[in-house]
Amino acid sequence: MTEPLKIAYSPCPNDTFVFHAWAHGRVPGAPALDVTFADIDITNGMAERGEFDVLKVSYAVLPWVLDDYALLPCGGALGRGCGPLVLTREPGDGSQPTAKDLAGKTVAVPSERSTAYLLFRLWAAAEVPGGVGEIKVLPFHAIMPAVRDGEVDAGLVIHEARFTYQNYGLHCLADMGEHWERTTGLPIPLGAIVAKRSLGAERLRELTDAIRTSVRMAWDDPAASRTYVLEHAQEMDPAVADQHIGLYVNEFTADLGENGYAAVRGLLTRAAAEGLVPPLGPGALDIV
């Protein structure tokens, strides 16, 4: 393959940390990359339209894209204690809002096809009597300001917002990951790496090896990716970027393994049973 692979992933620290070595030609034998940075709502849409060779997407979008894309068993975000949060404004009267207080309210989410929103829908079905009201899609970096400024009643946040929401005077109403882990015992699937099936099984295995090598190189020399990570981290505090990487880049990033695949199947099976996503076909998560 002479042309660079067209790849899109987010500017978030976990993605830039994972792909730094490969994107900079440091992975021996790996194809060159043509990198585009985009928020998850954008990359989900790219996958549904069949754009780009390799994409970081939400696990929740897999049922719509697995005919054209294969799930790679590495490079994504899946773990424990790393789930999306539902945030509200800090009550001024010292009261503690509960899930019931979201009934009929407006909630901002990062994407209607995001795993965060899918986890939220599963949680809300069990915890919010009568359901929430309007759902408003906003870029993830705009959600906390919108909650703080009263533009929405609550916000569903991901990534580094776990570490910074109190700076906005916000209250954590519920942790979607905590609910998921408590009810399933499984790790939390968030973001996946997919690649075009048309590349062929051999090439897909080569891409898998390239990602794993890039991850290990990042772990072996974290300082090498520092400039790249902070350059794209939207003025994020370096300490927050380190927390972000520490939480979202873990053993599942190197290899989904049995527990990782169980989590993905568990999420999509539950969601299909609730009519939230199409059911997966046999072997849909296999590369070949």
Protein backbone atom coordinates (compact mmCIF):
# COMPACT_ATOMS: atom_id res chain seq x y z
CA MET A 1 0.00 0.00 0.00
CA THR A 2 1.64 3.19 -1.21
CA GLU A 3 -0.97 5.73 -0.17
CA PRO A 4 -1.12 6.65 3.55
CA LEU A 5 -4.00 5.16 5.48
CA LYS A 6 -6.67 7.75 6.18
CA ILE A 7 -7.34 7.67 9.93
CA ALA A 8 -9.51 9.83 12.17
CA TYR A 9 -9.34 9.98 15.94
CA SER A 10 -10.03 12.55 18.62
CA PRO A 11 -7.55 15.14 19.93
CA CYS A 12 -8.05 13.69 23.42
CA PRO A 13 -4.90 12.65 25.30
CA ASN A 14 -5.66 8.92 25.25
CA ASP A 15 -5.88 8.85 21.44
CA THR A 16 -2.85 11.05 20.78
CA PHE A 17 -0.85 9.05 23.34
CA VAL A 18 -1.83 5.73 21.74
CA PHE A 19 -1.21 6.77 18.14
CA HIS A 20 1.79 9.10 18.61
CA ALA A 21 4.48 6.58 17.63
CA TRP A 22 2.59 5.28 14.60
CA ALA A 23 1.52 8.74 13.40
CA HIS A 24 5.14 9.86 13.53
CA GLY A 25 6.55 6.93 11.57
CA ARG A 26 8.22 5.29 14.56
CA VAL A 27 6.50 1.90 14.27
CA PRO A 28 8.71 -0.35 12.10
CA GLY A 29 6.96 -1.66 8.99
CA ALA A 30 3.68 0.14 9.69
CA PRO A 31 2.00 2.08 6.86
CA ALA A 32 2.09 5.87 6.91
CA LEU A 33 -0.95 7.62 8.35
CA ASP A 34 -2.91 10.62 7.10
CA VAL A 35 -4.43 11.82 10.39
CA THR A 36 -7.62 13.83 10.83
CA PHE A 37 -8.69 14.99 14.29
CA ALA A 38 -12.42 15.01 15.00
CA ASP A 39 -14.83 14.71 17.93
CA ILE A 40 -16.59 11.40 18.41
CA ASP A 41 -19.89 12.59 16.95
CA ILE A 42 -18.04 13.41 13.72
CA THR A 43 -16.13 10.13 13.52
CA ASN A 44 -19.30 8.13 14.21
CA GLY A 45 -20.87 9.82 11.19
CA MET A 46 -17.78 9.16 9.09
CA ALA A 47 -18.04 5.46 9.90
CA GLU A 48 -21.73 5.35 9.00
CA ARG A 49 -20.90 6.94 5.63
CA GLY A 50 -17.97 4.58 5.05
CA GLU A 51 -15.35 7.35 5.08
CA PHE A 52 -11.69 6.79 6.08
CA ASP A 53 -9.75 3.54 6.42
CA VAL A 54 -9.41 3.55 10.22
CA LEU A 55 -11.57 5.37 12.77
CA LYS A 56 -12.01 5.84 16.49
CA VAL A 57 -15.75 5.44 17.07
CA SER A 58 -18.22 4.77 19.86
CA TYR A 59 -18.92 1.13 20.62
CA ALA A 60 -22.58 2.12 20.41
CA VAL A 61 -22.28 2.80 16.67
CA LEU A 62 -20.93 -0.68 15.83
CA PRO A 63 -24.30 -2.23 14.93
CA TRP A 64 -24.61 0.29 12.09
CA VAL A 65 -21.08 -0.02 10.68
CA LEU A 66 -19.85 -3.60 11.09
CA ASP A 67 -20.81 -4.60 7.55
CA ASP A 68 -18.08 -2.28 6.25
CA TYR A 69 -15.73 -2.07 9.24
CA ALA A 70 -14.07 -4.63 11.50
CA LEU A 71 -13.56 -4.04 15.21
CA LEU A 72 -9.84 -4.13 15.98
CA PRO A 73 -9.00 -5.79 19.32
CA CYS A 74 -6.86 -2.91 20.58
CA GLY A 75 -6.36 0.86 20.62
CA GLY A 76 -9.73 1.81 22.07
CA ALA A 77 -11.04 2.94 25.45
CA LEU A 78 -12.54 0.40 27.83
CA GLY A 79 -11.98 0.01 31.53
CA ARG A 80 -13.26 0.34 35.07
CA GLY A 81 -14.07 3.50 37.00
CA CYS A 82 -14.04 5.51 33.76
CA GLY A 83 -17.70 5.86 32.85
CA PRO A 84 -19.64 8.93 31.72
CA LEU A 85 -21.16 11.21 34.36
CA VAL A 86 -24.51 13.00 34.53
CA LEU A 87 -23.90 16.52 35.86
CA THR A 88 -26.26 19.18 37.17
CA ARG A 89 -25.69 22.58 38.71
CA GLU A 90 -24.64 22.50 42.35
CA PRO A 91 -27.82 23.03 44.41
CA GLY A 92 -27.77 26.23 46.37
CA ASP A 93 -29.92 24.94 49.19
CA GLY A 94 -27.69 22.04 50.20
CA SER A 95 -30.08 19.42 48.81
CA GLN A 96 -28.89 16.42 46.82
CA PRO A 97 -30.62 15.96 43.43
CA THR A 98 -31.56 12.42 42.46
CA ALA A 99 -32.28 10.62 39.20
CA LYS A 100 -36.00 11.33 39.64
CA ASP A 101 -35.23 15.04 39.31
CA LEU A 102 -34.28 14.49 35.64
CA ALA A 103 -37.82 13.52 34.66
CA GLY A 104 -38.90 15.71 31.75
CA LYS A 105 -35.67 17.76 31.83
CA THR A 106 -33.32 18.80 28.99
CA VAL A 107 -30.06 16.87 28.90
CA ALA A 108 -27.01 17.65 26.74
CA VAL A 109 -25.14 14.66 25.31
CA PRO A 110 -21.97 14.40 23.16
CA SER A 111 -23.61 12.27 20.43
CA GLU A 112 -26.83 10.34 20.00
CA ARG A 113 -24.77 7.40 18.73
CA SER A 114 -22.19 7.63 21.53
CA THR A 115 -21.61 4.84 24.02
CA ALA A 116 -22.09 7.43 26.74
CA TYR A 117 -25.62 8.13 25.52
CA LEU A 118 -26.37 4.41 25.19
CA LEU A 119 -25.24 3.81 28.77
CA PHE A 120 -27.32 6.82 29.80
CA ARG A 121 -30.43 5.44 28.10
CA LEU A 122 -30.03 2.08 29.82
CA TRP A 123 -29.56 3.87 33.16
CA ALA A 124 -32.46 6.30 32.65
CA ALA A 125 -34.83 3.49 31.69
CA ALA A 126 -34.23 1.99 35.13
CA GLU A 127 -33.79 5.12 37.24
CA VAL A 128 -35.80 8.05 35.78
CA PRO A 129 -39.57 7.54 36.09
CA GLY A 130 -41.30 8.72 32.92
CA GLY A 131 -37.96 9.40 31.24
CA VAL A 132 -36.06 12.61 30.55
CA GLY A 133 -37.33 15.35 28.26
CA GLU A 134 -35.37 16.88 25.38
CA ILE A 135 -31.95 15.56 24.35
CA LYS A 136 -29.58 18.19 22.97
CA VAL A 137 -26.36 17.18 21.16
CA LEU A 138 -23.38 19.44 21.91
CA PRO A 139 -19.60 19.09 21.40
CA PHE A 140 -18.29 17.49 24.58
CA HIS A 141 -16.25 20.58 25.52
CA ALA A 142 -19.42 22.73 25.40
CA ILE A 143 -21.53 20.58 27.70
CA MET A 144 -20.27 21.72 31.12
CA PRO A 145 -20.52 25.42 30.28
CA ALA A 146 -24.08 24.82 29.03
CA VAL A 147 -25.05 23.16 32.31
CA ARG A 148 -23.32 25.86 34.36
CA ASP A 149 -25.05 28.65 32.41
CA GLY A 150 -28.50 27.07 32.67
CA GLU A 151 -28.85 26.39 28.93
CA VAL A 152 -29.66 22.76 29.78
CA ASP A 153 -30.77 21.08 32.99
CA ALA A 154 -28.09 18.39 32.96
CA GLY A 155 -25.18 17.20 30.90
CA LEU A 156 -23.71 13.81 30.06
CA VAL A 157 -19.92 14.19 30.06
CA ILE A 158 -16.97 12.02 29.16
CA HIS A 159 -13.19 12.01 29.27
CA GLU A 160 -11.38 14.65 31.33
CA ALA A 161 -14.65 16.15 32.59
CA ARG A 162 -14.41 13.52 35.34
CA PHE A 163 -11.53 15.53 36.76
CA THR A 164 -12.70 19.09 36.10
CA TYR A 165 -16.49 19.34 36.56
CA GLN A 166 -16.21 20.81 40.06
CA ASN A 167 -14.34 23.77 38.57
CA TYR A 168 -17.65 24.65 36.87
CA GLY A 169 -19.63 24.46 40.12
CA LEU A 170 -21.34 21.27 38.97
CA HIS A 171 -22.70 18.28 40.87
CA CYS A 172 -22.34 14.63 39.83
CA LEU A 173 -25.86 13.24 39.83
CA ALA A 174 -24.91 9.76 38.64
CA ASP A 175 -22.00 7.75 37.26
CA MET A 176 -23.05 5.66 34.26
CA GLY A 177 -20.00 3.44 34.55
CA GLU A 178 -20.68 2.71 38.20
CA HIS A 179 -24.24 1.68 37.30
CA TRP A 180 -22.98 -0.49 34.42
CA GLU A 181 -20.33 -2.23 36.53
CA ARG A 182 -22.74 -2.79 39.43
CA THR A 183 -25.42 -4.34 37.25
CA THR A 184 -23.19 -6.38 34.92
CA GLY A 185 -19.84 -6.92 36.65
CA LEU A 186 -18.22 -6.06 33.31
CA PRO A 187 -15.74 -3.31 32.37
CA ILE A 188 -17.13 -0.23 30.62
CA PRO A 189 -16.83 -0.15 26.81
CA LEU A 190 -16.46 3.39 25.50
CA GLY A 191 -14.48 3.94 22.29
CA ALA A 192 -13.46 1.42 19.63
CA ILE A 193 -10.99 1.33 16.76
CA VAL A 194 -12.45 0.06 13.49
CA ALA A 195 -10.87 -0.49 10.08
CA LYS A 196 -12.32 -1.12 6.63
CA ARG A 197 -12.95 -4.82 5.98
CA SER A 198 -12.03 -4.18 2.33
CA LEU A 199 -8.40 -3.83 3.44
CA GLY A 200 -8.38 -7.61 3.89
CA ALA A 201 -7.76 -9.85 6.89
CA GLU A 202 -3.98 -9.84 6.55
CA ARG A 203 -3.80 -6.05 6.44
CA LEU A 204 -6.18 -5.78 9.40
CA ARG A 205 -3.91 -8.02 11.45
CA GLU A 206 -0.94 -5.84 10.45
CA LEU A 207 -2.83 -2.74 11.62
CA THR A 208 -3.60 -4.48 14.90
CA ASP A 209 0.11 -5.21 15.38
CA ALA A 210 0.97 -1.58 14.54
CA ILE A 211 -1.46 -0.23 17.13
CA ARG A 212 -0.18 -2.59 19.82
CA THR A 213 3.39 -1.60 19.06
CA SER A 214 2.46 2.09 19.19
CA VAL A 215 0.78 1.59 22.58
CA ARG A 216 3.78 -0.23 24.02
CA MET A 217 6.16 2.42 22.70
CA ALA A 218 4.04 5.10 24.39
CA TRP A 219 4.17 3.21 27.68
CA ASP A 220 7.91 2.61 27.38
CA ASP A 221 8.68 6.29 26.74
CA PRO A 222 5.78 8.52 27.87
CA ALA A 223 7.84 11.67 27.45
CA ALA A 224 8.15 11.09 23.69
CA SER A 225 4.47 11.82 23.10
CA ARG A 226 4.22 14.72 25.56
CA THR A 227 4.38 17.58 23.07
CA TYR A 228 1.96 15.87 20.66
CA VAL A 229 -0.53 15.13 23.45
CA LEU A 230 -0.53 18.65 24.89
CA GLU A 231 -0.55 20.32 21.46
CA HIS A 232 -3.94 18.74 20.72
CA ALA A 233 -5.41 18.69 24.22
CA GLN A 234 -7.31 21.99 23.87
CA GLU A 235 -5.34 23.88 26.53
CA MET A 236 -5.80 21.08 29.02
CA ASP A 237 -3.81 21.21 32.23
CA PRO A 238 -0.87 18.76 31.84
CA ALA A 239 -1.78 17.08 35.13
CA VAL A 240 -5.32 16.48 33.86
CA ALA A 241 -3.92 15.07 30.62
CA ASP A 242 -1.83 12.63 32.65
CA GLN A 243 -4.89 11.57 34.67
CA HIS A 244 -6.81 11.14 31.44
CA ILE A 245 -4.15 8.87 29.94
CA GLY A 246 -3.77 6.92 33.16
CA LEU A 247 -7.49 6.17 33.28
CA TYR A 248 -8.29 5.45 29.64
CA VAL A 249 -5.10 3.78 28.39
CA ASN A 250 -4.91 0.43 30.15
CA GLU A 251 -4.59 -3.31 29.55
CA PHE A 252 -7.73 -3.28 27.36
CA THR A 253 -6.05 -0.73 25.07
CA ALA A 254 -3.36 -3.28 24.25
CA ASP A 255 -5.80 -6.20 23.98
CA LEU A 256 -9.55 -6.37 24.53
CA GLY A 257 -9.22 -9.95 25.66
CA GLU A 258 -12.07 -12.15 26.86
CA ASN A 259 -13.43 -9.60 29.37
CA GLY A 260 -13.29 -6.78 26.86
CA TYR A 261 -15.22 -8.67 24.22
CA ALA A 262 -17.72 -9.81 26.88
CA ALA A 263 -18.29 -6.15 27.80
CA VAL A 264 -18.88 -5.14 24.17
CA ARG A 265 -21.26 -8.02 23.54
CA GLY A 266 -23.00 -7.35 26.85
CA LEU A 267 -23.60 -3.69 26.05
CA LEU A 268 -24.88 -4.27 22.53
CA THR A 269 -26.98 -7.29 23.50
CA ARG A 270 -28.68 -5.37 26.32
CA ALA A 271 -29.22 -2.36 24.07
CA ALA A 272 -30.69 -4.53 21.30
CA ALA A 273 -33.04 -6.19 23.79
CA GLU A 274 -34.31 -2.69 24.69
CA GLY A 275 -34.74 -1.82 21.02
CA LEU A 276 -32.02 0.85 21.18
CA VAL A 277 -29.71 -0.65 18.52
CA PRO A 278 -30.03 -3.30 15.81
CA PRO A 279 -29.00 -6.80 16.94
CA LEU A 280 -25.52 -8.01 16.00
CA GLY A 281 -25.25 -10.83 13.50
CA PRO A 282 -23.17 -13.98 14.17
CA GLY A 283 -19.45 -13.24 13.95
CA ALA A 284 -20.05 -9.50 13.60
CA LEU A 285 -17.17 -8.69 15.96
CA ASP A 286 -14.71 -10.96 14.17
CA ILE A 287 -12.05 -9.60 11.85
CA VAL A 288 -12.50 -12.48 9.39
